[in-house]
Amino acid sequence: MVKLHPKVLNGYVKLSTSSIVLSLVGCTNSGFVTPPIQPLGNTLNTRSSEQHPRFSYEGRYLVFASDRQGKRSIWLYDQINGRLLPLPGLNQPGTIQDQPDISSDGRYIVYVSEQEGKQDIFVYDRQTLRADNITKNILGEVRHPTISGNGRLIAFESNGSGQWDIIIYDRGLNTPLSLPGSPE
């Protein structure tokens, strides 16, 4: 608590502190399971910027974007085993990958990338190790993709009509589904 006493000096009100009493309440971290920061980049947090975290349905996988290794990339953290998982073919050299989301069982990751010359939405399949561009024919910018739990539907924002609209993309009936409790 700070007590201020006004004094009038040459027509101006001057505030001075007569006493300052600080009260600090102890902080507790019960419930936090975040691993400590490690400078080598082999864990969840580094000294780089980590953003856009999204959990799979049961919370096993956490996908996020990070500036580690000098560029914006997508990373996948396995919370049960406490380690990063490889995403071969997802992060392309010389381009930015950002704004990820993940399906229920962690099979599909949707994200924004400019690997084909403009910002597009890609869907990465962890089983086939393949990334598909779903917005290559959309004029305008795209951003903020999200994927349905089963991996079939993807929603994102696009300004192709001159304003930001929400677009829903259906990957089709033949899309292998991502369901809670499905094997990897």
Foldseek 3Di string as FASTA:
>chain_A
DWDWDWDADPNDTDTDTPDDDDDDDDDDDPPDDADDEDCVPWFDHYPWDWDQWEAAQVRQKIWTWTCPPNATDIWIAGNVVGTTDDLPPRDDPPKHWHQWYAARQRQKIWTWICPPPATFIWIAGSVVSDIDTPCPPQPAHKDNWYAYNFRFKIWTWGCSVVRTDIDIDGNDPPDRTHHHPDDD
